[in-house]
PDB file of N, CA and C in Angstrom:
ATOM      1  N   MET A   1      79.435 122.419  65.377  1.00  0.00           N
ATOM      2  CA  MET A   1      79.374 123.671  66.102  1.00  0.00           C
ATOM      3  C   MET A   1      79.914 123.416  67.502  1.00  0.00           C
ATOM      4  N   GLU A   2      81.043 124.010  67.795  1.00  0.00           N
ATOM      5  CA  GLU A   2      81.641 123.850  69.105  1.00  0.00           C
ATOM      6  C   GLU A   2      81.731 125.203  69.790  1.00  0.00           C
ATOM      7  N   PHE A   3      81.333 125.230  71.035  1.00  0.00           N
ATOM      8  CA  PHE A   3      81.358 126.455  71.822  1.00  0.00           C
ATOM      9  C   PHE A   3      82.483 126.413  72.842  1.00  0.00           C
ATOM     10  N   PHE A   4      83.455 125.543  72.629  1.00  0.00           N
ATOM     11  CA  PHE A   4      84.526 125.386  73.594  1.00  0.00           C
ATOM     12  C   PHE A   4      85.827 125.136  72.866  1.00  0.00           C
ATOM     13  N   HIS A   5      86.925 125.254  73.596  1.00  0.00           N
ATOM     14  CA  HIS A   5      88.241 125.013  73.026  1.00  0.00           C
ATOM     15  C   HIS A   5      88.347 123.538  72.641  1.00  0.00           C
ATOM     16  N   LYS A   6      88.944 123.241  71.519  1.00  0.00           N
ATOM     17  CA  LYS A   6      89.005 121.877  71.017  1.00  0.00           C
ATOM     18  C   LYS A   6      89.717 120.920  71.965  1.00  0.00           C
ATOM     19  N   ASP A   7      90.560 121.428  72.855  1.00  0.00           N
ATOM     20  CA  ASP A   7      91.280 120.574  73.795  1.00  0.00           C
ATOM     21  C   ASP A   7      90.489 120.318  75.076  1.00  0.00           C
ATOM     22  N   SER A   8      89.308 120.857  75.184  1.00  0.00           N
ATOM     23  CA  SER A   8      88.522 120.717  76.410  1.00  0.00           C
ATOM     24  C   SER A   8      87.822 119.363  76.442  1.00  0.00           C
ATOM     25  N   GLN A   9      88.513 118.384  76.976  1.00  0.00           N
ATOM     26  CA  GLN A   9      87.983 117.024  77.046  1.00  0.00           C
ATOM     27  C   GLN A   9      86.774 116.940  77.973  1.00  0.00           C
ATOM     28  N   SER A  10      86.733 117.775  79.003  1.00  0.00           N
ATOM     29  CA  SER A  10      85.625 117.695  79.959  1.00  0.00           C
ATOM     30  C   SER A  10      84.290 118.049  79.300  1.00  0.00           C
ATOM     31  N   ILE A  11      84.273 119.056  78.441  1.00  0.00           N
ATOM     32  CA  ILE A  11      83.032 119.430  77.754  1.00  0.00           C
ATOM     33  C   ILE A  11      82.657 118.341  76.746  1.00  0.00           C
ATOM     34  N   LYS A  12      83.645 117.782  76.061  1.00  0.00           N
ATOM     35  CA  LYS A  12      83.376 116.688  75.122  1.00  0.00           C
ATOM     36  C   LYS A  12      82.745 115.511  75.851  1.00  0.00           C
ATOM     37  N   SER A  13      83.245 115.232  77.046  1.00  0.00           N
ATOM     38  CA  SER A  13      82.692 114.130  77.837  1.00  0.00           C
ATOM     39  C   SER A  13      81.249 114.410  78.242  1.00  0.00           C
ATOM     40  N   LEU A  14      80.964 115.651  78.610  1.00  0.00           N
ATOM     41  CA  LEU A  14      79.592 116.009  78.975  1.00  0.00           C
ATOM     42  C   LEU A  14      78.651 115.893  77.781  1.00  0.00           C
ATOM     43  N   VAL A  15      79.133 116.270  76.604  1.00  0.00           N
ATOM     44  CA  VAL A  15      78.319 116.135  75.389  1.00  0.00           C
ATOM     45  C   VAL A  15      78.066 114.658  75.112  1.00  0.00           C
ATOM     46  N   GLU A  16      79.085 113.830  75.283  1.00  0.00           N
ATOM     47  CA  GLU A  16      78.924 112.388  75.075  1.00  0.00           C
ATOM     48  C   GLU A  16      77.895 111.811  76.045  1.00  0.00           C
ATOM     49  N   LEU A  17      77.927 112.251  77.293  1.00  0.00           N
ATOM     50  CA  LEU A  17      76.909 111.814  78.257  1.00  0.00           C
ATOM     51  C   LEU A  17      75.524 112.293  77.821  1.00  0.00           C
ATOM     52  N   GLY A  18      75.442 113.503  77.289  1.00  0.00           N
ATOM     53  CA  GLY A  18      74.170 114.039  76.808  1.00  0.00           C
ATOM     54  C   GLY A  18      73.598 113.227  75.656  1.00  0.00           C
ATOM     55  N   VAL A  19      74.470 112.689  74.817  1.00  0.00           N
ATOM     56  CA  VAL A  19      74.022 111.839  73.708  1.00  0.00           C
ATOM     57  C   VAL A  19      73.271 110.626  74.252  1.00  0.00           C
ATOM     58  N   HIS A  20      73.705 110.163  75.423  1.00  0.00           N
ATOM     59  CA  HIS A  20      73.079 108.988  76.040  1.00  0.00           C
ATOM     60  C   HIS A  20      71.958 109.358  77.009  1.00  0.00           C
ATOM     61  N   GLY A  21      71.577 110.652  77.043  1.00  0.00           N
ATOM     62  CA  GLY A  21      70.433 111.078  77.841  1.00  0.00           C
ATOM     63  C   GLY A  21      70.740 111.466  79.269  1.00  0.00           C
ATOM     64  N   PHE A  22      72.011 111.640  79.608  1.00  0.00           N
ATOM     65  CA  PHE A  22      72.391 112.011  80.970  1.00  0.00           C
ATOM     66  C   PHE A  22      72.960 113.427  80.952  1.00  0.00           C
ATOM     67  N   PHE A  23      72.347 114.319  81.719  1.00  0.00           N
ATOM     68  CA  PHE A  23      72.733 115.732  81.733  1.00  0.00           C
ATOM     69  C   PHE A  23      73.123 116.148  83.151  1.00  0.00           C
ATOM     70  N   PRO A  24      74.351 115.852  83.584  1.00  0.00           N
ATOM     71  CA  PRO A  24      74.729 116.113  84.975  1.00  0.00           C
ATOM     72  C   PRO A  24      74.852 117.588  85.344  1.00  0.00           C
ATOM     73  N   LEU A  25      74.992 118.476  84.365  1.00  0.00           N
ATOM     74  CA  LEU A  25      75.127 119.907  84.680  1.00  0.00           C
ATOM     75  C   LEU A  25      73.810 120.555  85.054  1.00  0.00           C
ATOM     76  N   PHE A  26      72.719 119.975  84.635  1.00  0.00           N
ATOM     77  CA  PHE A  26      71.415 120.616  84.790  1.00  0.00           C
ATOM     78  C   PHE A  26      70.553 119.851  85.782  1.00  0.00           C
ATOM     79  N   GLU A  27      69.976 120.583  86.707  1.00  0.00           N
ATOM     80  CA  GLU A  27      69.057 119.989  87.688  1.00  0.00           C
ATOM     81  C   GLU A  27      67.798 119.496  86.970  1.00  0.00           C
ATOM     82  N   ASP A  28      67.190 118.455  87.504  1.00  0.00           N
ATOM     83  CA  ASP A  28      65.987 117.900  86.884  1.00  0.00           C
ATOM     84  C   ASP A  28      64.857 118.919  86.818  1.00  0.00           C
ATOM     85  N   HIS A  29      64.675 119.703  87.880  1.00  0.00           N
ATOM     86  CA  HIS A  29      63.565 120.665  87.887  1.00  0.00           C
ATOM     87  C   HIS A  29      63.819 121.836  86.932  1.00  0.00           C
ATOM     88  N   TRP A  30      65.073 122.074  86.509  1.00  0.00           N
ATOM     89  CA  TRP A  30      65.352 123.121  85.525  1.00  0.00           C
ATOM     90  C   TRP A  30      64.872 122.718  84.146  1.00  0.00           C
ATOM     91  N   GLN A  31      64.940 121.438  83.861  1.00  0.00           N
ATOM     92  CA  GLN A  31      64.637 120.982  82.508  1.00  0.00           C
ATOM     93  C   GLN A  31      63.197 121.275  82.117  1.00  0.00           C
ATOM     94  N   GLY A  32      62.314 121.351  83.087  1.00  0.00           N
ATOM     95  CA  GLY A  32      60.933 121.680  82.790  1.00  0.00           C
ATOM     96  C   GLY A  32      60.704 123.171  82.592  1.00  0.00           C
ATOM     97  N   THR A  33      61.610 124.002  83.114  1.00  0.00           N
ATOM     98  CA  THR A  33      61.422 125.445  83.035  1.00  0.00           C
ATOM     99  C   THR A  33      62.279 126.113  81.965  1.00  0.00           C
ATOM    100  N   MET A  34      63.225 125.391  81.400  1.00  0.00           N
ATOM    101  CA  MET A  34      64.102 125.991  80.391  1.00  0.00           C
ATOM    102  C   MET A  34      63.360 126.156  79.080  1.00  0.00           C
ATOM    103  N   GLU A  35      63.669 127.242  78.426  1.00  0.00           N
ATOM    104  CA  GLU A  35      63.013 127.549  77.156  1.00  0.00           C
ATOM    105  C   GLU A  35      63.918 127.138  76.006  1.00  0.00           C
ATOM    106  N   PHE A  36      63.462 126.172  75.231  1.00  0.00           N
ATOM    107  CA  PHE A  36      64.213 125.730  74.061  1.00  0.00           C
ATOM    108  C   PHE A  36      63.445 126.160  72.821  1.00  0.00           C
ATOM    109  N   SER A  37      64.008 127.119  72.117  1.00  0.00           N
ATOM    110  CA  SER A  37      63.349 127.564  70.892  1.00  0.00           C
ATOM    111  C   SER A  37      63.958 126.830  69.707  1.00  0.00           C
ATOM    112  N   LYS A  38      63.200 126.724  68.645  1.00  0.00           N
ATOM    113  CA  LYS A  38      63.672 126.019  67.461  1.00  0.00           C
ATOM    114  C   LYS A  38      64.557 126.890  66.589  1.00  0.00           C
ATOM    115  N   LYS A  39      64.605 128.166  66.883  1.00  0.00           N
ATOM    116  CA  LYS A  39      65.443 129.040  66.068  1.00  0.00           C
ATOM    117  C   LYS A  39      66.913 128.848  66.435  1.00  0.00           C
ATOM    118  N   SER A  40      67.759 129.157  65.480  1.00  0.00           N
ATOM    119  CA  SER A  40      69.201 129.014  65.677  1.00  0.00           C
ATOM    120  C   SER A  40      69.721 130.075  66.633  1.00  0.00           C
ATOM    121  N   LEU A  41      70.884 129.793  67.191  1.00  0.00           N
ATOM    122  CA  LEU A  41      71.538 130.784  68.039  1.00  0.00           C
ATOM    123  C   LEU A  41      72.095 131.895  67.156  1.00  0.00           C
ATOM    124  N   THR A  42      71.956 133.121  67.596  1.00  0.00           N
ATOM    125  CA  THR A  42      72.516 134.246  66.848  1.00  0.00           C
ATOM    126  C   THR A  42      74.020 134.306  67.091  1.00  0.00           C
ATOM    127  N   GLY A  43      74.707 135.117  66.331  1.00  0.00           N
ATOM    128  CA  GLY A  43      76.147 135.275  66.501  1.00  0.00           C
ATOM    129  C   GLY A  43      76.512 135.760  67.893  1.00  0.00           C
ATOM    130  N   LYS A  44      75.732 136.706  68.385  1.00  0.00           N
ATOM    131  CA  LYS A  44      75.966 137.250  69.733  1.00  0.00           C
ATOM    132  C   LYS A  44      75.763 136.159  70.788  1.00  0.00           C
ATOM    133  N   GLU A  45      74.734 135.339  70.612  1.00  0.00           N
ATOM    134  CA  GLU A  45      74.462 134.256  71.564  1.00  0.00           C
ATOM    135  C   GLU A  45      75.570 133.206  71.527  1.00  0.00           C
ATOM    136  N   LYS A  46      76.103 132.943  70.334  1.00  0.00           N
ATOM    137  CA  LYS A  46      77.196 131.973  70.216  1.00  0.00           C
ATOM    138  C   LYS A  46      78.433 132.449  70.952  1.00  0.00           C
ATOM    139  N   VAL A  47      78.747 133.731  70.829  1.00  0.00           N
ATOM    140  CA  VAL A  47      79.907 134.297  71.528  1.00  0.00           C
ATOM    141  C   VAL A  47      79.691 134.209  73.041  1.00  0.00           C
ATOM    142  N   GLN A  48      78.499 134.550  73.489  1.00  0.00           N
ATOM    143  CA  GLN A  48      78.200 134.495  74.916  1.00  0.00           C
ATOM    144  C   GLN A  48      78.242 133.049  75.419  1.00  0.00           C
ATOM    145  N   ALA A  49      77.719 132.105  74.627  1.00  0.00           N
ATOM    146  CA  ALA A  49      77.740 130.694  75.014  1.00  0.00           C
ATOM    147  C   ALA A  49      79.174 130.191  75.126  1.00  0.00           C
ATOM    148  N   LYS A  50      80.024 130.624  74.227  1.00  0.00           N
ATOM    149  CA  LYS A  50      81.428 130.219  74.276  1.00  0.00           C
ATOM    150  C   LYS A  50      82.082 130.708  75.568  1.00  0.00           C
ATOM    151  N   LYS A  51      81.751 131.928  75.989  1.00  0.00           N
ATOM    152  CA  LYS A  51      82.280 132.462  77.253  1.00  0.00           C
ATOM    153  C   LYS A  51      81.778 131.642  78.439  1.00  0.00           C
ATOM    154  N   LEU A  52      80.510 131.260  78.401  1.00  0.00           N
ATOM    155  CA  LEU A  52      79.944 130.463  79.488  1.00  0.00           C
ATOM    156  C   LEU A  52      80.603 129.086  79.562  1.00  0.00           C
ATOM    157  N   PHE A  53      80.824 128.475  78.408  1.00  0.00           N
ATOM    158  CA  PHE A  53      81.485 127.163  78.393  1.00  0.00           C
ATOM    159  C   PHE A  53      82.933 127.269  78.864  1.00  0.00           C
ATOM    160  N   SER A  54      83.594 128.368  78.556  1.00  0.00           N
ATOM    161  CA  SER A  54      84.979 128.513  79.016  1.00  0.00           C
ATOM    162  C   SER A  54      85.024 128.671  80.540  1.00  0.00           C
ATOM    163  N   ARG A  55      84.001 129.303  81.120  1.00  0.00           N
ATOM    164  CA  ARG A  55      83.920 129.390  82.587  1.00  0.00           C
ATOM    165  C   ARG A  55      83.789 128.004  83.202  1.00  0.00           C
ATOM    166  N   ILE A  56      82.994 127.156  82.567  1.00  0.00           N
ATOM    167  CA  ILE A  56      82.773 125.805  83.078  1.00  0.00           C
ATOM    168  C   ILE A  56      84.008 124.936  82.867  1.00  0.00           C
ATOM    169  N   ALA A  57      84.602 125.037  81.694  1.00  0.00           N
ATOM    170  CA  ALA A  57      85.747 124.186  81.352  1.00  0.00           C
ATOM    171  C   ALA A  57      86.953 124.459  82.240  1.00  0.00           C
ATOM    172  N   GLY A  58      87.000 125.612  82.880  1.00  0.00           N
ATOM    173  CA  GLY A  58      88.111 125.947  83.749  1.00  0.00           C
ATOM    174  C   GLY A  58      88.140 125.170  85.053  1.00  0.00           C
ATOM    175  N   HIS A  59      87.107 124.402  85.322  1.00  0.00           N
ATOM    176  CA  HIS A  59      87.015 123.628  86.566  1.00  0.00           C
ATOM    177  C   HIS A  59      87.049 122.139  86.239  1.00  0.00           C
ATOM    178  N   ARG A  60      87.672 121.376  87.131  1.00  0.00           N
ATOM    179  CA  ARG A  60      87.882 119.964  86.841  1.00  0.00           C
ATOM    180  C   ARG A  60      86.694 119.084  87.230  1.00  0.00           C
ATOM    181  N   GLY A  61      86.202 119.211  88.423  1.00  0.00           N
ATOM    182  CA  GLY A  61      85.172 118.306  88.916  1.00  0.00           C
ATOM    183  C   GLY A  61      83.774 118.690  88.468  1.00  0.00           C
ATOM    184  N   ILE A  62      82.909 117.696  88.372  1.00  0.00           N
ATOM    185  CA  ILE A  62      81.526 117.935  87.934  1.00  0.00           C
ATOM    186  C   ILE A  62      80.787 118.780  88.966  1.00  0.00           C
ATOM    187  N   ASN A  63      81.101 118.611  90.252  1.00  0.00           N
ATOM    188  CA  ASN A  63      80.428 119.413  91.276  1.00  0.00           C
ATOM    189  C   ASN A  63      80.776 120.885  91.151  1.00  0.00           C
ATOM    190  N   ARG A  64      82.016 121.170  90.829  1.00  0.00           N
ATOM    191  CA  ARG A  64      82.407 122.576  90.635  1.00  0.00           C
ATOM    192  C   ARG A  64      81.756 123.143  89.385  1.00  0.00           C
ATOM    193  N   LYS A  65      81.692 122.349  88.333  1.00  0.00           N
ATOM    194  CA  LYS A  65      81.041 122.798  87.100  1.00  0.00           C
ATOM    195  C   LYS A  65      79.558 123.096  87.375  1.00  0.00           C
ATOM    196  N   LYS A  66      78.940 122.209  88.126  1.00  0.00           N
ATOM    197  CA  LYS A  66      77.523 122.385  88.459  1.00  0.00           C
ATOM    198  C   LYS A  66      77.308 123.632  89.308  1.00  0.00           C
ATOM    199  N   THR A  67      78.239 123.912  90.205  1.00  0.00           N
ATOM    200  CA  THR A  67      78.155 125.116  91.036  1.00  0.00           C
ATOM    201  C   THR A  67      78.216 126.363  90.169  1.00  0.00           C
ATOM    202  N   ILE A  68      79.077 126.362  89.158  1.00  0.00           N
ATOM    203  CA  ILE A  68      79.168 127.497  88.236  1.00  0.00           C
ATOM    204  C   ILE A  68      77.836 127.676  87.505  1.00  0.00           C
ATOM    205  N   VAL A  69      77.257 126.586  87.047  1.00  0.00           N
ATOM    206  CA  VAL A  69      75.972 126.671  86.336  1.00  0.00           C
ATOM    207  C   VAL A  69      74.887 127.191  87.269  1.00  0.00           C
ATOM    208  N   MET A  70      74.899 126.744  88.514  1.00  0.00           N
ATOM    209  CA  MET A  70      73.888 127.193  89.474  1.00  0.00           C
ATOM    210  C   MET A  70      74.039 128.681  89.789  1.00  0.00           C
ATOM    211  N   SER A  71      75.259 129.196  89.691  1.00  0.00           N
ATOM    212  CA  SER A  71      75.476 130.609  89.992  1.00  0.00           C
ATOM    213  C   SER A  71      75.111 131.528  88.827  1.00  0.00           C
ATOM    214  N   MET A  72      74.839 130.965  87.675  1.00  0.00           N
ATOM    215  CA  MET A  72      74.477 131.773  86.504  1.00  0.00           C
ATOM    216  C   MET A  72      73.052 132.282  86.638  1.00  0.00           C
ATOM    217  N   SER A  73      72.786 133.362  85.939  1.00  0.00           N
ATOM    218  CA  SER A  73      71.412 133.862  85.896  1.00  0.00           C
ATOM    219  C   SER A  73      70.559 132.895  85.075  1.00  0.00           C
ATOM    220  N   GLU A  74      69.266 133.029  85.171  1.00  0.00           N
ATOM    221  CA  GLU A  74      68.366 132.136  84.445  1.00  0.00           C
ATOM    222  C   GLU A  74      68.554 132.264  82.932  1.00  0.00           C
ATOM    223  N   ASP A  75      68.776 133.487  82.455  1.00  0.00           N
ATOM    224  CA  ASP A  75      69.002 133.695  81.022  1.00  0.00           C
ATOM    225  C   ASP A  75      70.289 133.020  80.563  1.00  0.00           C
ATOM    226  N   GLU A  76      71.345 133.136  81.376  1.00  0.00           N
ATOM    227  CA  GLU A  76      72.611 132.482  81.028  1.00  0.00           C
ATOM    228  C   GLU A  76      72.457 130.963  81.018  1.00  0.00           C
ATOM    229  N   ARG A  77      71.740 130.438  82.006  1.00  0.00           N
ATOM    230  CA  ARG A  77      71.500 128.985  82.054  1.00  0.00           C
ATOM    231  C   ARG A  77      70.713 128.518  80.844  1.00  0.00           C
ATOM    232  N   ASN A  78      69.692 129.281  80.459  1.00  0.00           N
ATOM    233  CA  ASN A  78      68.899 128.916  79.276  1.00  0.00           C
ATOM    234  C   ASN A  78      69.761 128.913  78.018  1.00  0.00           C
ATOM    235  N   LEU A  79      70.605 129.930  77.882  1.00  0.00           N
ATOM    236  CA  LEU A  79      71.492 130.000  76.727  1.00  0.00           C
ATOM    237  C   LEU A  79      72.477 128.838  76.739  1.00  0.00           C
ATOM    238  N   LEU A  80      73.052 128.548  77.900  1.00  0.00           N
ATOM    239  CA  LEU A  80      73.982 127.432  78.025  1.00  0.00           C
ATOM    240  C   LEU A  80      73.291 126.118  77.661  1.00  0.00           C
ATOM    241  N   ALA A  81      72.083 125.925  78.149  1.00  0.00           N
ATOM    242  CA  ALA A  81      71.341 124.694  77.857  1.00  0.00           C
ATOM    243  C   ALA A  81      71.018 124.586  76.374  1.00  0.00           C
ATOM    244  N   ARG A  82      70.614 125.691  75.750  1.00  0.00           N
ATOM    245  CA  ARG A  82      70.317 125.670  74.310  1.00  0.00           C
ATOM    246  C   ARG A  82      71.560 125.294  73.506  1.00  0.00           C
ATOM    247  N   ALA A  83      72.695 125.913  73.846  1.00  0.00           N
ATOM    248  CA  ALA A  83      73.939 125.630  73.133  1.00  0.00           C
ATOM    249  C   ALA A  83      74.383 124.189  73.387  1.00  0.00           C
ATOM    250  N   PHE A  84      74.233 123.738  74.618  1.00  0.00           N
ATOM    251  CA  PHE A  84      74.617 122.369  74.959  1.00  0.00           C
ATOM    252  C   PHE A  84      73.754 121.366  74.199  1.00  0.00           C
ATOM    253  N   MET A  85      72.449 121.601  74.177  1.00  0.00           N
ATOM    254  CA  MET A  85      71.550 120.689  73.463  1.00  0.00           C
ATOM    255  C   MET A  85      71.835 120.697  71.955  1.00  0.00           C
ATOM    256  N   LYS A  86      72.236 121.832  71.432  1.00  0.00           N
ATOM    257  CA  LYS A  86      72.601 121.921  70.020  1.00  0.00           C
ATOM    258  C   LYS A  86      73.838 121.068  69.745  1.00  0.00           C
ATOM    259  N   MET A  87      74.816 121.111  70.657  1.00  0.00           N
ATOM    260  CA  MET A  87      76.010 120.282  70.486  1.00  0.00           C
ATOM    261  C   MET A  87      75.664 118.804  70.571  1.00  0.00           C
ATOM    262  N   VAL A  88      74.783 118.443  71.496  1.00  0.00           N
ATOM    263  CA  VAL A  88      74.353 117.047  71.625  1.00  0.00           C
ATOM    264  C   VAL A  88      73.632 116.614  70.351  1.00  0.00           C
ATOM    265  N   GLU A  89      72.746 117.465  69.855  1.00  0.00           N
ATOM    266  CA  GLU A  89      72.013 117.159  68.626  1.00  0.00           C
ATOM    267  C   GLU A  89      72.972 116.940  67.457  1.00  0.00           C
ATOM    268  N   MET A  90      73.967 117.825  67.326  1.00  0.00           N
ATOM    269  CA  MET A  90      74.928 117.692  66.228  1.00  0.00           C
ATOM    270  C   MET A  90      75.747 116.409  66.363  1.00  0.00           C
ATOM    271  N   LYS A  91      76.104 116.046  67.578  1.00  0.00           N
ATOM    272  CA  LYS A  91      76.859 114.809  67.822  1.00  0.00           C
ATOM    273  C   LYS A  91      76.028 113.596  67.434  1.00  0.00           C
ATOM    274  N   ILE A  92      74.754 113.608  67.768  1.00  0.00           N
ATOM    275  CA  ILE A  92      73.863 112.488  67.416  1.00  0.00           C
ATOM    276  C   ILE A  92      73.734 112.393  65.899  1.00  0.00           C
ATOM    277  N   LEU A  93      73.520 113.533  65.252  1.00  0.00           N
ATOM    278  CA  LEU A  93      73.349 113.519  63.794  1.00  0.00           C
ATOM    279  C   LEU A  93      74.640 113.118  63.079  1.00  0.00           C
ATOM    280  N   ASP A  94      75.792 113.473  63.639  1.00  0.00           N
ATOM    281  CA  ASP A  94      77.065 113.081  63.042  1.00  0.00           C
ATOM    282  C   ASP A  94      77.291 111.578  63.153  1.00  0.00           C
ATOM    283  N   SER A  95      76.857 111.005  64.263  1.00  0.00           N
ATOM    284  CA  SER A  95      77.084 109.574  64.477  1.00  0.00           C
ATOM    285  C   SER A  95      76.052 108.701  63.769  1.00  0.00           C
ATOM    286  N   LYS A  96      74.895 109.279  63.425  1.00  0.00           N
ATOM    287  CA  LYS A  96      73.834 108.503  62.772  1.00  0.00           C
ATOM    288  C   LYS A  96      73.290 109.290  61.583  1.00  0.00           C
ATOM    289  N   PRO A  97      74.002 109.271  60.462  1.00  0.00           N
ATOM    290  CA  PRO A  97      73.570 110.069  59.311  1.00  0.00           C
ATOM    291  C   PRO A  97      72.193 109.676  58.750  1.00  0.00           C
ATOM    292  N   GLY A  98      71.742 108.477  59.064  1.00  0.00           N
ATOM    293  CA  GLY A  98      70.425 108.051  58.592  1.00  0.00           C
ATOM    294  C   GLY A  98      69.280 108.817  59.207  1.00  0.00           C
ATOM    295  N   LEU A  99      69.530 109.518  60.309  1.00  0.00           N
ATOM    296  CA  LEU A  99      68.477 110.295  60.968  1.00  0.00           C
ATOM    297  C   LEU A  99      68.177 111.606  60.244  1.00  0.00           C
ATOM    298  N   GLN A 100      69.090 112.052  59.417  1.00  0.00           N
ATOM    299  CA  GLN A 100      68.918 113.368  58.775  1.00  0.00           C
ATOM    300  C   GLN A 100      67.899 113.332  57.681  1.00  0.00           C
TER     301      GLN A 100
END
C-alpha cells in the first residue's frame, strides 16, 4: 500500500527510517496524542492521505517536510501518521515474512 508516487525516494527513505524506529516527521510529544485505530483506512482516507504525502514529497529537506506536517490540522496529522505507520508495518512484514 503506497500513498505516494513510486518515484518519490524521499518518502521511501522516511519509511525505511520508520522501520528502524526513527520518525523524523513527527514530534515526540505528538506520538502520545495521536490516535491509532486498528481499523483499516477507508477509500476516502486513502485518497486524502495520498494528497498529504504529495504535499510533503514536493519538498526536499526534512525541515521543510516537518514544517508542512506542523502546519497541518490535527486530523490531517493523525491521518498522515496512520497511513505512514501502515506503510512502515507493510514494509516490516514484507521484509520478515515469518512475522505474519
